[in-house]
Amino acid sequence: MKTSEKVIEIIADVLDADPAELSPTMGPHNLEEWDSVNALRILTNIEAELKVRLSLEQFASVTTIGALTELIQNMILLG
């Protein structure tokens, strides 16, 4: 599974949403269910399932699913 698909799957699971309805341009600004509690759940699930460590600042700085995916892919590449 590609990283982008996994990120969408994790977010969809936390937000109880259909992955097919999520796009890389979406984010906390236009997903009502993406509140502070679910943001922390998304962060911890991403860290656990993708074996990356994101600081709260890094996570809070991304505004879209696509930007989050890009950040994670870069972290994986850099090891």
N, C-alpha and C. Protein backbone atom coordinates (compact mmCIF):
# COMPACT_ATOMS: atom_id res chain seq x y z
N MET A 1 0.84 -1.18 0.00
CA MET A 1 0.00 0.00 0.00
C MET A 1 0.89 1.25 0.00
N LYS A 2 0.56 2.19 -0.84
CA LYS A 2 1.32 3.43 -0.91
C LYS A 2 1.10 4.26 0.36
N THR A 3 2.09 5.08 0.67
CA THR A 3 2.01 5.93 1.86
C THR A 3 0.77 6.81 1.82
N SER A 4 0.48 7.39 0.67
CA SER A 4 -0.69 8.27 0.56
C SER A 4 -1.98 7.52 0.86
N GLU A 5 -2.09 6.29 0.39
CA GLU A 5 -3.28 5.49 0.65
C GLU A 5 -3.38 5.15 2.14
N LYS A 6 -2.24 4.84 2.75
CA LYS A 6 -2.24 4.49 4.18
C LYS A 6 -2.63 5.69 5.03
N VAL A 7 -2.11 6.88 4.69
CA VAL A 7 -2.46 8.09 5.44
C VAL A 7 -3.96 8.34 5.34
N ILE A 8 -4.51 8.24 4.15
CA ILE A 8 -5.95 8.44 3.98
C ILE A 8 -6.73 7.38 4.75
N GLU A 9 -6.27 6.14 4.72
CA GLU A 9 -6.94 5.06 5.46
C GLU A 9 -6.95 5.36 6.97
N ILE A 10 -5.83 5.81 7.50
CA ILE A 10 -5.74 6.13 8.93
C ILE A 10 -6.68 7.28 9.28
N ILE A 11 -6.65 8.33 8.49
CA ILE A 11 -7.51 9.49 8.75
C ILE A 11 -8.97 9.10 8.64
N ALA A 12 -9.32 8.33 7.62
CA ALA A 12 -10.71 7.89 7.44
C ALA A 12 -11.17 7.06 8.62
N ASP A 13 -10.31 6.19 9.11
CA ASP A 13 -10.65 5.35 10.25
C ASP A 13 -10.93 6.20 11.49
N VAL A 14 -10.05 7.15 11.76
CA VAL A 14 -10.22 8.00 12.95
C VAL A 14 -11.47 8.86 12.82
N LEU A 15 -11.71 9.40 11.63
CA LEU A 15 -12.84 10.32 11.44
C LEU A 15 -14.14 9.59 11.10
N ASP A 16 -14.08 8.27 11.01
CA ASP A 16 -15.24 7.46 10.63
C ASP A 16 -15.80 7.95 9.29
N ALA A 17 -14.89 8.08 8.32
CA ALA A 17 -15.25 8.58 6.99
C ALA A 17 -14.92 7.54 5.94
N ASP A 18 -15.50 7.71 4.78
CA ASP A 18 -15.20 6.85 3.63
C ASP A 18 -13.90 7.33 3.00
N PRO A 19 -12.88 6.48 2.91
CA PRO A 19 -11.61 6.92 2.32
C PRO A 19 -11.77 7.49 0.91
N ALA A 20 -12.73 6.99 0.16
CA ALA A 20 -12.96 7.48 -1.20
C ALA A 20 -13.43 8.93 -1.23
N GLU A 21 -13.95 9.41 -0.12
CA GLU A 21 -14.44 10.79 -0.05
C GLU A 21 -13.37 11.77 0.42
N LEU A 22 -12.19 11.27 0.80
CA LEU A 22 -11.10 12.13 1.24
C LEU A 22 -10.14 12.37 0.09
N SER A 23 -9.64 13.59 0.00
CA SER A 23 -8.69 13.92 -1.06
C SER A 23 -7.47 14.61 -0.47
N PRO A 24 -6.37 14.66 -1.21
CA PRO A 24 -5.16 15.31 -0.71
C PRO A 24 -5.33 16.79 -0.38
N THR A 25 -6.33 17.44 -0.96
CA THR A 25 -6.53 18.87 -0.70
C THR A 25 -7.34 19.14 0.56
N MET A 26 -7.89 18.10 1.15
CA MET A 26 -8.69 18.26 2.37
C MET A 26 -7.79 18.29 3.59
N GLY A 27 -8.32 18.83 4.68
CA GLY A 27 -7.57 18.89 5.92
C GLY A 27 -8.47 19.35 7.05
N PRO A 28 -7.88 19.73 8.17
CA PRO A 28 -8.67 20.12 9.33
C PRO A 28 -9.57 21.33 9.06
N HIS A 29 -9.22 22.14 8.09
CA HIS A 29 -10.02 23.33 7.80
C HIS A 29 -11.36 23.01 7.14
N ASN A 30 -11.49 21.86 6.50
CA ASN A 30 -12.75 21.54 5.85
C ASN A 30 -13.30 20.15 6.20
N LEU A 31 -12.76 19.55 7.24
CA LEU A 31 -13.30 18.30 7.76
C LEU A 31 -13.73 18.54 9.21
N GLU A 32 -15.01 18.69 9.40
CA GLU A 32 -15.55 19.05 10.72
C GLU A 32 -15.12 18.07 11.81
N GLU A 33 -15.02 16.80 11.46
CA GLU A 33 -14.67 15.78 12.45
C GLU A 33 -13.21 15.86 12.90
N TRP A 34 -12.37 16.59 12.15
CA TRP A 34 -10.95 16.71 12.45
C TRP A 34 -10.77 17.78 13.52
N ASP A 35 -11.14 17.44 14.75
CA ASP A 35 -10.99 18.37 15.87
C ASP A 35 -9.68 18.04 16.60
N SER A 36 -9.45 18.70 17.72
CA SER A 36 -8.17 18.52 18.42
C SER A 36 -7.98 17.10 18.94
N VAL A 37 -9.03 16.48 19.41
CA VAL A 37 -8.93 15.11 19.92
C VAL A 37 -8.62 14.15 18.78
N ASN A 38 -9.35 14.28 17.68
CA ASN A 38 -9.09 13.40 16.54
C ASN A 38 -7.74 13.69 15.89
N ALA A 39 -7.28 14.92 15.96
CA ALA A 39 -5.94 15.24 15.44
C ALA A 39 -4.89 14.44 16.20
N LEU A 40 -5.02 14.36 17.51
CA LEU A 40 -4.06 13.57 18.30
C LEU A 40 -4.17 12.09 17.99
N ARG A 41 -5.39 11.63 17.76
CA ARG A 41 -5.58 10.22 17.38
C ARG A 41 -4.94 9.93 16.02
N ILE A 42 -5.12 10.85 15.08
CA ILE A 42 -4.50 10.70 13.76
C ILE A 42 -2.99 10.64 13.91
N LEU A 43 -2.44 11.57 14.67
CA LEU A 43 -0.99 11.63 14.87
C LEU A 43 -0.46 10.34 15.48
N THR A 44 -1.07 9.86 16.55
CA THR A 44 -0.56 8.65 17.20
C THR A 44 -0.73 7.42 16.30
N ASN A 45 -1.82 7.35 15.56
CA ASN A 45 -2.01 6.21 14.65
C ASN A 45 -1.01 6.23 13.51
N ILE A 46 -0.73 7.41 12.97
CA ILE A 46 0.27 7.53 11.91
C ILE A 46 1.63 7.10 12.43
N GLU A 47 1.99 7.58 13.60
CA GLU A 47 3.29 7.22 14.18
C GLU A 47 3.39 5.71 14.40
N ALA A 48 2.33 5.10 14.91
CA ALA A 48 2.36 3.67 15.20
C ALA A 48 2.38 2.83 13.92
N GLU A 49 1.57 3.18 12.96
CA GLU A 49 1.43 2.34 11.77
C GLU A 49 2.50 2.59 10.72
N LEU A 50 3.01 3.81 10.65
CA LEU A 50 4.01 4.13 9.63
C LEU A 50 5.42 4.24 10.20
N LYS A 51 5.55 4.03 11.49
CA LYS A 51 6.86 4.01 12.16
C LYS A 51 7.65 5.30 11.93
N VAL A 52 6.98 6.44 12.10
CA VAL A 52 7.63 7.75 12.01
C VAL A 52 7.33 8.52 13.30
N ARG A 53 8.13 9.52 13.57
CA ARG A 53 7.92 10.39 14.73
C ARG A 53 7.75 11.81 14.22
N LEU A 54 6.59 12.38 14.51
CA LEU A 54 6.30 13.76 14.13
C LEU A 54 6.15 14.59 15.40
N SER A 55 6.76 15.75 15.41
CA SER A 55 6.54 16.65 16.54
C SER A 55 5.15 17.27 16.39
N LEU A 56 4.62 17.77 17.48
CA LEU A 56 3.32 18.45 17.40
C LEU A 56 3.40 19.64 16.46
N GLU A 57 4.55 20.33 16.45
CA GLU A 57 4.72 21.48 15.57
C GLU A 57 4.68 21.07 14.10
N GLN A 58 5.35 19.97 13.78
CA GLN A 58 5.33 19.48 12.40
C GLN A 58 3.91 19.12 11.99
N PHE A 59 3.24 18.38 12.85
CA PHE A 59 1.89 17.92 12.54
C PHE A 59 0.94 19.11 12.41
N ALA A 60 1.05 20.07 13.31
CA ALA A 60 0.15 21.23 13.29
C ALA A 60 0.42 22.14 12.10
N SER A 61 1.62 22.07 11.54
CA SER A 61 1.97 22.96 10.43
C SER A 61 1.37 22.52 9.10
N VAL A 62 0.97 21.27 8.98
CA VAL A 62 0.41 20.81 7.72
C VAL A 62 -1.07 21.18 7.65
N THR A 63 -1.49 21.63 6.49
CA THR A 63 -2.87 22.09 6.35
C THR A 63 -3.73 21.19 5.48
N THR A 64 -3.10 20.20 4.85
CA THR A 64 -3.85 19.28 4.00
C THR A 64 -3.34 17.85 4.18
N ILE A 65 -4.15 16.91 3.76
CA ILE A 65 -3.75 15.51 3.79
C ILE A 65 -2.54 15.31 2.87
N GLY A 66 -2.53 15.99 1.74
CA GLY A 66 -1.41 15.88 0.81
C GLY A 66 -0.10 16.36 1.42
N ALA A 67 -0.16 17.48 2.15
CA ALA A 67 1.05 18.01 2.80
C ALA A 67 1.52 17.07 3.90
N LEU A 68 0.58 16.47 4.62
CA LEU A 68 0.94 15.50 5.66
C LEU A 68 1.61 14.28 5.03
N THR A 69 1.05 13.80 3.94
CA THR A 69 1.63 12.66 3.24
C THR A 69 3.04 12.97 2.76
N GLU A 70 3.24 14.15 2.20
CA GLU A 70 4.57 14.55 1.72
C GLU A 70 5.57 14.61 2.87
N LEU A 71 5.16 15.17 3.99
CA LEU A 71 6.03 15.23 5.17
C LEU A 71 6.44 13.83 5.61
N ILE A 72 5.48 12.92 5.67
CA ILE A 72 5.75 11.55 6.10
C ILE A 72 6.66 10.84 5.10
N GLN A 73 6.41 11.01 3.81
CA GLN A 73 7.25 10.37 2.80
C GLN A 73 8.69 10.86 2.90
N ASN A 74 8.87 12.15 3.13
CA ASN A 74 10.22 12.69 3.30
C ASN A 74 10.90 12.11 4.53
N MET A 75 10.15 11.95 5.61
CA MET A 75 10.72 11.38 6.84
C MET A 75 11.13 9.93 6.62
N ILE A 76 10.32 9.19 5.88
CA ILE A 76 10.63 7.79 5.60
C ILE A 76 11.89 7.70 4.74
N LEU A 77 11.99 8.56 3.73
CA LEU A 77 13.17 8.56 2.86
C LEU A 77 14.45 8.91 3.61
N LEU A 78 14.33 9.84 4.55
CA LEU A 78 15.50 10.27 5.31
C LEU A 78 15.87 9.30 6.42
N GLY A 79 14.93 8.41 6.72
CA GLY A 79 15.19 7.41 7.75
C GLY A 79 15.09 8.01 9.07
